[in-house]
Amino acid sequence: MKEKILKTIYRYDENNKIYHIDIQLDGYRDVYSNWDYSPFVNRDLDEDLLEYMMSCSYEIPKKREFVIDFFLLSSLYDVKREERSIEGIHNYFGYKIRQTQSERFRLMRSTVLFSTIGTLLLISAVFSNKVIQAPFFERIISEGLFIGAWVAIWEIFSIWFFKINALRCKIKQYKKLQKSKIYYHYKD
């Protein structure tokens, strides 16, 4: 998205060259999932808020920094809750980074399995004509083994070029959100 359009969508600080993602809250608890009652520093973020923050981070160019600004009523001001909330948000994105990296590692490991299966199926297809003497059955089994081998090999390409790449992009976005500065602002 062109930066000229982005500057109409997001508040932009010309002096510091930083975009601001403004979010209005009714309370500190609005940041977190309604179902999660663990301590502030270990809570899951609200799904809608997470989706909004992710889409904002995708829209803002990678070379640009952004700040997340939460707005609350001044009557709710609580320094300790604010600090724990900011720490909790950063912890959440650290957790999401670790979780996504683990998923990426599992996918990479599964490619080893698919390459082994694909190789074994290809070797079996090549040598099936020497084991099976009936031409009709030999052809059916050979074709089936070739198809199975190519499906296994395609899955390797699918994982490497689509799934792992998507996870890599997601990790970058989580890191970008984790590094972003978060400020609470209070108004009457």
C-alpha atoms as a PDB file:
ATOM      1  CA  MET A   1       0.000   0.000   0.000  1.00  0.00           C
ATOM      2  CA  LYS A   2       1.356   3.411  -0.884  1.00  0.00           C
ATOM      3  CA  GLU A   3       2.579   5.487   2.002  1.00  0.00           C
ATOM      4  CA  LYS A   4       0.447   8.447   0.955  1.00  0.00           C
ATOM      5  CA  ILE A   5      -2.675   6.340   1.542  1.00  0.00           C
ATOM      6  CA  LEU A   6      -1.252   4.884   4.776  1.00  0.00           C
ATOM      7  CA  LYS A   7      -0.779   8.374   6.175  1.00  0.00           C
ATOM      8  CA  THR A   8      -4.520   8.947   5.814  1.00  0.00           C
ATOM      9  CA  ILE A   9      -5.325   5.650   7.572  1.00  0.00           C
ATOM     10  CA  TYR A  10      -2.807   5.844  10.419  1.00  0.00           C
ATOM     11  CA  ARG A  11      -1.606   8.764  12.449  1.00  0.00           C
ATOM     12  CA  TYR A  12       1.891   9.582  11.207  1.00  0.00           C
ATOM     13  CA  ASP A  13       4.624  11.454  13.072  1.00  0.00           C
ATOM     14  CA  GLU A  14       6.541  13.402  10.406  1.00  0.00           C
ATOM     15  CA  ASN A  15       9.379  14.331  12.780  1.00  0.00           C
ATOM     16  CA  ASN A  16      10.196  10.762  13.852  1.00  0.00           C
ATOM     17  CA  LYS A  17       8.879   9.017  10.698  1.00  0.00           C
ATOM     18  CA  ILE A  18       6.744   6.664  12.776  1.00  0.00           C
ATOM     19  CA  TYR A  19       3.232   5.360  12.249  1.00  0.00           C
ATOM     20  CA  HIS A  20       0.838   5.149  15.194  1.00  0.00           C
ATOM     21  CA  ILE A  21      -1.698   2.363  15.574  1.00  0.00           C
ATOM     22  CA  ASP A  22      -4.395   3.881  17.771  1.00  0.00           C
ATOM     23  CA  ILE A  23      -6.640   1.570  19.794  1.00  0.00           C
ATOM     24  CA  GLN A  24      -9.436   2.713  22.089  1.00  0.00           C
ATOM     25  CA  LEU A  25      -9.997   0.523  25.182  1.00  0.00           C
ATOM     26  CA  ASP A  26     -12.645   0.439  27.886  1.00  0.00           C
ATOM     27  CA  GLY A  27     -10.209  -1.137  30.352  1.00  0.00           C
ATOM     28  CA  TYR A  28      -6.863  -2.912  30.623  1.00  0.00           C
ATOM     29  CA  ARG A  29      -8.672  -6.255  30.407  1.00  0.00           C
ATOM     30  CA  ASP A  30      -9.866  -5.485  26.824  1.00  0.00           C
ATOM     31  CA  VAL A  31      -6.415  -6.322  25.487  1.00  0.00           C
ATOM     32  CA  TYR A  32      -6.719  -9.935  26.592  1.00  0.00           C
ATOM     33  CA  SER A  33      -8.898 -12.898  25.758  1.00  0.00           C
ATOM     34  CA  ASN A  34     -12.117 -13.121  27.759  1.00  0.00           C
ATOM     35  CA  TRP A  35     -11.391 -16.785  28.463  1.00  0.00           C
ATOM     36  CA  ASP A  36      -7.892 -16.342  29.849  1.00  0.00           C
ATOM     37  CA  TYR A  37      -7.641 -15.420  33.534  1.00  0.00           C
ATOM     38  CA  SER A  38      -3.946 -16.109  34.039  1.00  0.00           C
ATOM     39  CA  PRO A  39      -1.681 -13.270  35.264  1.00  0.00           C
ATOM     40  CA  PHE A  40      -1.349 -10.239  32.970  1.00  0.00           C
ATOM     41  CA  VAL A  41       2.193 -11.122  31.892  1.00  0.00           C
ATOM     42  CA  ASN A  42       1.124 -14.561  30.563  1.00  0.00           C
ATOM     43  CA  ARG A  43      -2.274 -13.938  28.980  1.00  0.00           C
ATOM     44  CA  ASP A  44      -3.403 -14.545  25.416  1.00  0.00           C
ATOM     45  CA  LEU A  45      -4.369 -11.443  23.480  1.00  0.00           C
ATOM     46  CA  ASP A  46      -7.930 -10.886  22.349  1.00  0.00           C
ATOM     47  CA  GLU A  47      -8.342 -12.537  18.924  1.00  0.00           C
ATOM     48  CA  ASP A  48      -9.901  -9.481  17.283  1.00  0.00           C
ATOM     49  CA  LEU A  49      -7.192  -7.214  18.659  1.00  0.00           C
ATOM     50  CA  LEU A  50      -4.478  -9.618  17.510  1.00  0.00           C
ATOM     51  CA  GLU A  51      -5.975  -9.810  14.026  1.00  0.00           C
ATOM     52  CA  TYR A  52      -6.189  -6.012  13.869  1.00  0.00           C
ATOM     53  CA  MET A  53      -2.596  -5.543  15.026  1.00  0.00           C
ATOM     54  CA  MET A  54      -1.349  -8.188  12.561  1.00  0.00           C
ATOM     55  CA  SER A  55      -3.177  -6.579   9.632  1.00  0.00           C
ATOM     56  CA  CYS A  56      -1.811  -3.160  10.602  1.00  0.00           C
ATOM     57  CA  SER A  57       1.736  -4.511  10.776  1.00  0.00           C
ATOM     58  CA  TYR A  58       1.291  -6.090   7.327  1.00  0.00           C
ATOM     59  CA  GLU A  59       0.087  -2.784   5.865  1.00  0.00           C
ATOM     60  CA  ILE A  60       2.877  -0.665   7.294  1.00  0.00           C
ATOM     61  CA  PRO A  61       6.053  -1.131   5.208  1.00  0.00           C
ATOM     62  CA  LYS A  62       8.811  -3.257   6.723  1.00  0.00           C
ATOM     63  CA  LYS A  63      11.263  -0.379   6.653  1.00  0.00           C
ATOM     64  CA  ARG A  64       8.936   1.803   8.744  1.00  0.00           C
ATOM     65  CA  GLU A  65       8.537   1.689  12.497  1.00  0.00           C
ATOM     66  CA  PHE A  66       5.231   1.898  14.269  1.00  0.00           C
ATOM     67  CA  VAL A  67       3.991   2.520  17.780  1.00  0.00           C
ATOM     68  CA  ILE A  68       0.924   0.986  19.371  1.00  0.00           C
ATOM     69  CA  ASP A  69      -1.093   3.549  21.314  1.00  0.00           C
ATOM     70  CA  PHE A  70      -3.828   2.405  23.682  1.00  0.00           C
ATOM     71  CA  PHE A  71      -6.300   5.024  24.870  1.00  0.00           C
ATOM     72  CA  LEU A  72      -8.116   4.698  28.211  1.00  0.00           C
ATOM     73  CA  LEU A  73     -10.113   6.942  30.502  1.00  0.00           C
ATOM     74  CA  SER A  74      -7.888   8.768  32.988  1.00  0.00           C
ATOM     75  CA  SER A  75      -9.970   7.382  35.881  1.00  0.00           C
ATOM     76  CA  LEU A  76      -8.556   3.894  35.060  1.00  0.00           C
ATOM     77  CA  TYR A  77      -4.907   4.965  35.305  1.00  0.00           C
ATOM     78  CA  ASP A  78      -2.834   2.327  37.117  1.00  0.00           C
ATOM     79  CA  VAL A  79       0.945   2.320  36.629  1.00  0.00           C
ATOM     80  CA  LYS A  80       1.436  -1.298  37.694  1.00  0.00           C
ATOM     81  CA  ARG A  81      -1.340  -2.639  35.447  1.00  0.00           C
ATOM     82  CA  GLU A  82       0.003  -0.591  32.553  1.00  0.00           C
ATOM     83  CA  GLU A  83       3.546  -1.965  32.983  1.00  0.00           C
ATOM     84  CA  ARG A  84       2.300  -5.550  33.368  1.00  0.00           C
ATOM     85  CA  SER A  85       0.071  -5.142  30.332  1.00  0.00           C
ATOM     86  CA  ILE A  86       2.939  -3.905  28.143  1.00  0.00           C
ATOM     87  CA  GLU A  87       5.169  -6.713  29.418  1.00  0.00           C
ATOM     88  CA  GLY A  88       2.370  -9.229  28.800  1.00  0.00           C
ATOM     89  CA  ILE A  89       1.889  -8.094  25.205  1.00  0.00           C
ATOM     90  CA  HIS A  90       5.615  -8.413  24.486  1.00  0.00           C
ATOM     91  CA  ASN A  91       5.671 -11.837  26.207  1.00  0.00           C
ATOM     92  CA  TYR A  92       2.708 -12.969  24.106  1.00  0.00           C
ATOM     93  CA  PHE A  93       4.493 -12.142  20.859  1.00  0.00           C
ATOM     94  CA  GLY A  94       7.629 -13.907  22.134  1.00  0.00           C
ATOM     95  CA  TYR A  95       5.483 -16.964  22.798  1.00  0.00           C
ATOM     96  CA  LYS A  96       3.925 -16.758  19.303  1.00  0.00           C
ATOM     97  CA  ILE A  97       7.412 -16.516  17.758  1.00  0.00           C
ATOM     98  CA  ARG A  98       8.575 -19.649  19.615  1.00  0.00           C
ATOM     99  CA  GLN A  99       5.376 -21.494  18.728  1.00  0.00           C
ATOM    100  CA  THR A 100       5.636 -20.616  15.021  1.00  0.00           C
ATOM    101  CA  GLN A 101       9.334 -21.518  14.932  1.00  0.00           C
ATOM    102  CA  SER A 102       8.474 -24.932  16.429  1.00  0.00           C
ATOM    103  CA  GLU A 103       5.805 -25.454  13.794  1.00  0.00           C
ATOM    104  CA  ARG A 104       8.290 -24.500  11.061  1.00  0.00           C
ATOM    105  CA  PHE A 105      10.827 -26.982  12.473  1.00  0.00           C
ATOM    106  CA  ARG A 106       8.197 -29.776  12.506  1.00  0.00           C
ATOM    107  CA  LEU A 107       7.396 -29.064   8.866  1.00  0.00           C
ATOM    108  CA  MET A 108      11.080 -29.151   7.926  1.00  0.00           C
ATOM    109  CA  ARG A 109      11.442 -32.464   9.739  1.00  0.00           C
ATOM    110  CA  SER A 110       8.441 -33.894   7.906  1.00  0.00           C
ATOM    111  CA  THR A 111      10.097 -33.112   4.566  1.00  0.00           C
ATOM    112  CA  VAL A 112      12.779 -35.650   5.468  1.00  0.00           C
ATOM    113  CA  LEU A 113      10.061 -38.265   5.918  1.00  0.00           C
ATOM    114  CA  PHE A 114       8.396 -37.325   2.617  1.00  0.00           C
ATOM    115  CA  SER A 115      11.698 -37.456   0.738  1.00  0.00           C
ATOM    116  CA  THR A 116      12.429 -40.908   2.173  1.00  0.00           C
ATOM    117  CA  ILE A 117       8.964 -42.173   1.247  1.00  0.00           C
ATOM    118  CA  GLY A 118       9.182 -40.598  -2.225  1.00  0.00           C
ATOM    119  CA  THR A 119      12.602 -42.129  -2.875  1.00  0.00           C
ATOM    120  CA  LEU A 120      11.499 -45.579  -1.694  1.00  0.00           C
ATOM    121  CA  LEU A 121       8.369 -45.423  -3.854  1.00  0.00           C
ATOM    122  CA  LEU A 122      10.394 -44.379  -6.922  1.00  0.00           C
ATOM    123  CA  ILE A 123      12.897 -47.189  -6.404  1.00  0.00           C
ATOM    124  CA  SER A 124      10.030 -49.663  -5.900  1.00  0.00           C
ATOM    125  CA  ALA A 125       8.339 -48.425  -9.100  1.00  0.00           C
ATOM    126  CA  VAL A 126      11.520 -48.896 -11.130  1.00  0.00           C
ATOM    127  CA  PHE A 127      12.156 -52.417  -9.863  1.00  0.00           C
ATOM    128  CA  SER A 128       8.518 -53.591  -9.723  1.00  0.00           C
ATOM    129  CA  ASN A 129       8.699 -55.004 -13.272  1.00  0.00           C
ATOM    130  CA  LYS A 130      11.411 -57.461 -12.192  1.00  0.00           C
ATOM    131  CA  VAL A 131       9.392 -58.741  -9.238  1.00  0.00           C
ATOM    132  CA  ILE A 132       5.934 -58.970 -10.830  1.00  0.00           C
ATOM    133  CA  GLN A 133       5.770 -61.020 -14.002  1.00  0.00           C
ATOM    134  CA  ALA A 134       2.152 -60.336 -15.056  1.00  0.00           C
ATOM    135  CA  PRO A 135       2.271 -57.252 -17.356  1.00  0.00           C
ATOM    136  CA  PHE A 136      -1.194 -55.977 -16.383  1.00  0.00           C
ATOM    137  CA  PHE A 137      -0.515 -56.037 -12.619  1.00  0.00           C
ATOM    138  CA  GLU A 138       3.056 -54.859 -13.095  1.00  0.00           C
ATOM    139  CA  ARG A 139       1.837 -51.772 -14.965  1.00  0.00           C
ATOM    140  CA  ILE A 140      -0.894 -50.943 -12.400  1.00  0.00           C
ATOM    141  CA  ILE A 141       1.471 -51.354  -9.444  1.00  0.00           C
ATOM    142  CA  SER A 142       4.286 -49.479 -11.200  1.00  0.00           C
ATOM    143  CA  GLU A 143       1.999 -46.540 -12.101  1.00  0.00           C
ATOM    144  CA  GLY A 144       0.567 -46.456  -8.573  1.00  0.00           C
ATOM    145  CA  LEU A 145       4.059 -46.354  -7.064  1.00  0.00           C
ATOM    146  CA  PHE A 146       5.121 -43.557  -9.444  1.00  0.00           C
ATOM    147  CA  ILE A 147       2.041 -41.527  -8.565  1.00  0.00           C
ATOM    148  CA  GLY A 148       2.638 -42.051  -4.836  1.00  0.00           C
ATOM    149  CA  ALA A 149       6.285 -41.004  -5.230  1.00  0.00           C
ATOM    150  CA  TRP A 150       5.395 -37.795  -7.076  1.00  0.00           C
ATOM    151  CA  VAL A 151       2.735 -36.937  -4.505  1.00  0.00           C
ATOM    152  CA  ALA A 152       5.316 -37.317  -1.713  1.00  0.00           C
ATOM    153  CA  ILE A 153       7.839 -35.227  -3.659  1.00  0.00           C
ATOM    154  CA  TRP A 154       5.201 -32.554  -4.402  1.00  0.00           C
ATOM    155  CA  GLU A 155       4.445 -32.341  -0.688  1.00  0.00           C
ATOM    156  CA  ILE A 156       8.115 -31.449  -0.093  1.00  0.00           C
ATOM    157  CA  PHE A 157       7.867 -28.557  -2.562  1.00  0.00           C
ATOM    158  CA  SER A 158       4.537 -27.501  -1.113  1.00  0.00           C
ATOM    159  CA  ILE A 159       5.958 -27.378   2.392  1.00  0.00           C
ATOM    160  CA  TRP A 160       9.169 -25.548   1.439  1.00  0.00           C
ATOM    161  CA  PHE A 161       7.781 -23.003  -0.983  1.00  0.00           C
ATOM    162  CA  PHE A 162       4.387 -22.274   0.543  1.00  0.00           C
ATOM    163  CA  LYS A 163       4.016 -23.324   4.166  1.00  0.00           C
ATOM    164  CA  ILE A 164       7.510 -22.582   5.487  1.00  0.00           C
ATOM    165  CA  ASN A 165       7.609 -19.285   3.605  1.00  0.00           C
ATOM    166  CA  ALA A 166       4.249 -18.265   5.117  1.00  0.00           C
ATOM    167  CA  LEU A 167       5.506 -19.166   8.605  1.00  0.00           C
ATOM    168  CA  ARG A 168       8.705 -17.184   8.003  1.00  0.00           C
ATOM    169  CA  CYS A 169       6.628 -14.114   7.123  1.00  0.00           C
ATOM    170  CA  LYS A 170       4.448 -14.621  10.192  1.00  0.00           C
ATOM    171  CA  ILE A 171       7.541 -14.827  12.425  1.00  0.00           C
ATOM    172  CA  LYS A 172       8.793 -11.530  10.966  1.00  0.00           C
ATOM    173  CA  GLN A 173       5.453  -9.874  11.716  1.00  0.00           C
ATOM    174  CA  TYR A 174       5.439 -11.234  15.283  1.00  0.00           C
ATOM    175  CA  LYS A 175       8.983  -9.934  15.788  1.00  0.00           C
ATOM    176  CA  LYS A 176       7.972  -6.564  14.400  1.00  0.00           C
ATOM    177  CA  LEU A 177       5.046  -6.413  16.834  1.00  0.00           C
ATOM    178  CA  GLN A 178       7.182  -7.648  19.725  1.00  0.00           C
ATOM    179  CA  LYS A 179       9.763  -4.899  19.113  1.00  0.00           C
ATOM    180  CA  SER A 180       7.162  -2.161  18.720  1.00  0.00           C
ATOM    181  CA  LYS A 181       6.785   0.375  21.481  1.00  0.00           C
ATOM    182  CA  ILE A 182       3.494   0.379  23.341  1.00  0.00           C
ATOM    183  CA  TYR A 183       2.113   3.425  25.086  1.00  0.00           C
ATOM    184  CA  TYR A 184      -0.995   3.986  27.150  1.00  0.00           C
ATOM    185  CA  HIS A 185      -2.638   7.408  26.912  1.00  0.00           C
ATOM    186  CA  TYR A 186      -5.319   8.655  29.264  1.00  0.00           C
ATOM    187  CA  LYS A 187      -8.065  11.155  28.637  1.00  0.00           C
ATOM    188  CA  ASP A 188     -11.100  12.471  30.496  1.00  0.00           C
END
